[in-house]
Protein backbone atom coordinates (compact mmCIF):
# COMPACT_ATOMS: atom_id res chain seq x y z
CA UNK A 1 26.16 38.23 -4.59
CA UNK A 2 24.76 36.83 -7.80
CA UNK A 3 25.54 33.38 -6.80
CA UNK A 4 23.77 33.75 -3.49
CA UNK A 5 20.38 34.81 -5.35
CA UNK A 6 20.88 31.85 -7.67
CA UNK A 7 21.59 29.62 -4.84
CA UNK A 8 18.30 30.63 -2.98
CA UNK A 9 16.36 30.42 -6.32
CA UNK A 10 17.69 26.82 -6.84
CA UNK A 11 17.03 25.88 -3.35
CA UNK A 12 13.46 27.01 -3.33
CA UNK A 13 12.68 25.61 -6.77
CA UNK A 14 14.04 22.18 -5.69
CA UNK A 15 12.01 22.20 -2.54
CA UNK A 16 8.81 23.23 -4.16
CA UNK A 17 9.43 20.45 -6.92
CA UNK A 18 9.75 17.81 -4.10
CA UNK A 19 6.78 19.08 -2.20
CA UNK A 20 4.46 18.91 -5.36
CA UNK A 21 5.81 15.58 -6.27
CA UNK A 22 5.19 14.27 -2.86
CA UNK A 23 1.67 15.79 -2.80
CA UNK A 24 0.97 14.25 -6.04
CA UNK A 25 1.79 10.83 -4.87
CA UNK A 26 -0.28 11.35 -1.63
CA UNK A 27 -3.39 12.44 -3.88
CA UNK A 28 -3.09 9.35 -6.10
CA UNK A 29 -2.72 6.86 -3.24
CA UNK A 30 -5.72 8.42 -1.41
CA UNK A 31 -7.57 8.22 -4.73
CA UNK A 32 -8.25 12.04 -4.90
CA UNK A 33 -6.67 12.20 -8.43
CA UNK A 34 -5.91 9.53 -11.14
CA UNK A 35 -2.33 8.57 -11.84
CA UNK A 36 -0.64 9.24 -15.19
CA UNK A 37 -2.40 7.13 -17.76
CA UNK A 38 0.39 5.35 -19.51
CA UNK A 39 -0.90 1.84 -19.91
CA UNK A 40 -4.08 0.83 -21.60
CA UNK A 41 -4.00 -2.97 -21.99
CA UNK A 42 -6.70 -5.70 -22.21
CA UNK A 43 -7.35 -8.13 -19.63
CA UNK A 44 -5.79 -11.64 -19.43
CA UNK A 45 -8.14 -13.97 -21.06
CA UNK A 46 -8.19 -17.87 -21.27
CA UNK A 47 -9.68 -19.59 -24.24
CA UNK A 48 -11.34 -22.78 -22.88
CA UNK A 49 -11.84 -24.20 -26.39
CA UNK A 50 -8.16 -24.44 -27.05
CA UNK A 51 -7.47 -25.84 -23.66
CA UNK A 52 -9.73 -29.00 -23.87
CA UNK A 53 -10.93 -29.11 -27.39
CA UNK A 54 -10.41 -32.69 -28.41
CA UNK A 55 -11.40 -34.32 -25.06
CA UNK A 56 -15.10 -33.42 -24.83
CA UNK A 57 -18.29 -34.81 -26.51
CA UNK A 58 -19.93 -32.85 -29.24
CA UNK A 59 -22.85 -31.53 -27.10
CA UNK A 60 -20.44 -30.35 -24.41
CA UNK A 61 -18.22 -28.64 -27.07
CA UNK A 62 -21.39 -26.65 -28.14
CA UNK A 63 -22.07 -25.48 -24.72
CA UNK A 64 -18.50 -24.47 -24.07
CA UNK A 65 -18.55 -22.34 -27.40
CA UNK A 66 -21.15 -20.13 -25.76
CA UNK A 67 -18.65 -19.23 -23.04
CA UNK A 68 -15.46 -19.67 -24.96
CA UNK A 69 -13.16 -17.17 -23.28
CA UNK A 70 -12.86 -16.88 -19.49
CA UNK A 71 -11.47 -13.55 -18.17
CA UNK A 72 -8.55 -14.28 -15.62
CA UNK A 73 -7.62 -10.85 -14.56
CA UNK A 74 -9.71 -7.78 -15.46
CA UNK A 75 -8.10 -4.99 -17.52
CA UNK A 76 -8.77 -2.38 -14.79
CA UNK A 77 -6.62 -4.15 -12.28
CA UNK A 78 -3.67 -4.36 -14.71
CA UNK A 79 -3.99 -0.84 -15.91
CA UNK A 80 -4.63 0.79 -12.50
CA UNK A 81 -1.61 -0.99 -10.80
CA UNK A 82 0.65 -0.36 -13.71
CA UNK A 83 -0.29 3.24 -14.00
CA UNK A 84 0.07 3.80 -10.24
CA UNK A 85 3.64 2.16 -10.29
CA UNK A 86 4.69 4.39 -13.32
CA UNK A 87 3.29 7.40 -11.57
CA UNK A 88 5.24 6.65 -8.47
CA UNK A 89 8.44 6.19 -10.82
CA UNK A 90 7.91 9.43 -12.53
CA UNK A 91 7.27 11.23 -9.30
CA UNK A 92 10.60 9.71 -7.88
CA UNK A 93 12.36 11.17 -10.81
CA UNK A 94 11.06 14.64 -10.06
CA UNK A 95 11.95 14.24 -6.25
CA UNK A 96 15.48 13.28 -7.20
CA UNK A 97 15.50 16.25 -9.55
CA UNK A 98 14.39 18.67 -6.88
CA UNK A 99 17.05 17.11 -4.63
CA UNK A 100 19.72 17.90 -7.01
CA UNK A 101 18.65 21.35 -7.67
CA UNK A 102 18.34 21.99 -3.85
CA UNK A 103 21.84 20.48 -3.23
CA UNK A 104 23.18 22.71 -6.00
CA UNK A 105 21.61 25.75 -4.52
CA UNK A 106 23.03 24.79 -0.94
CA UNK A 107 26.41 24.51 -2.50
CA UNK A 108 26.24 28.02 -3.95
CA UNK A 109 24.92 29.37 -0.67
CA UNK A 110 27.73 27.74 1.65
CA UNK A 111 30.90 29.71 1.82
CA UNK A 112 33.84 28.00 0.50
CA UNK A 113 36.61 27.59 2.95
CA UNK A 114 39.80 26.02 2.26
CA UNK A 115 42.11 24.94 5.03
CA UNK A 116 45.60 23.98 4.04
CA UNK A 117 48.02 22.31 6.40
CA UNK A 118 51.28 23.63 5.43
CA UNK A 119 54.38 21.44 5.90
CA UNK A 120 57.56 23.10 6.84
CA UNK A 121 60.50 21.98 4.92
CA UNK A 122 63.58 22.02 6.72
CA UNK A 123 66.89 21.76 4.87
CA UNK A 124 69.92 20.53 6.75
CA UNK A 125 73.22 21.66 5.73
């Protein structure tokens, strides 16, 4: 009887974990909540002075110095996409954990039936 209670407890716990993880992913993709903030990087910048430093006349170089770095990819784009991906991976881990707990609970709930085929051994004299 004790294993039935533990089985039901594991089954319900696993299902609740899977539902909560799925609901969290749904809320992140519909932008109701923010994903887990793991990454906080700067954007990708390109320094134009280093790119074409020697081939410009002096007056063009002074104008170029005022806008020395050009931002290629903004940091929000990099951080948001990386954080959403990591949130998805983390919630996938929780879903697999819930699946394992539920399957362990189901194995405890099922009756164990062993069917053996017996071979008859005949001895000839």
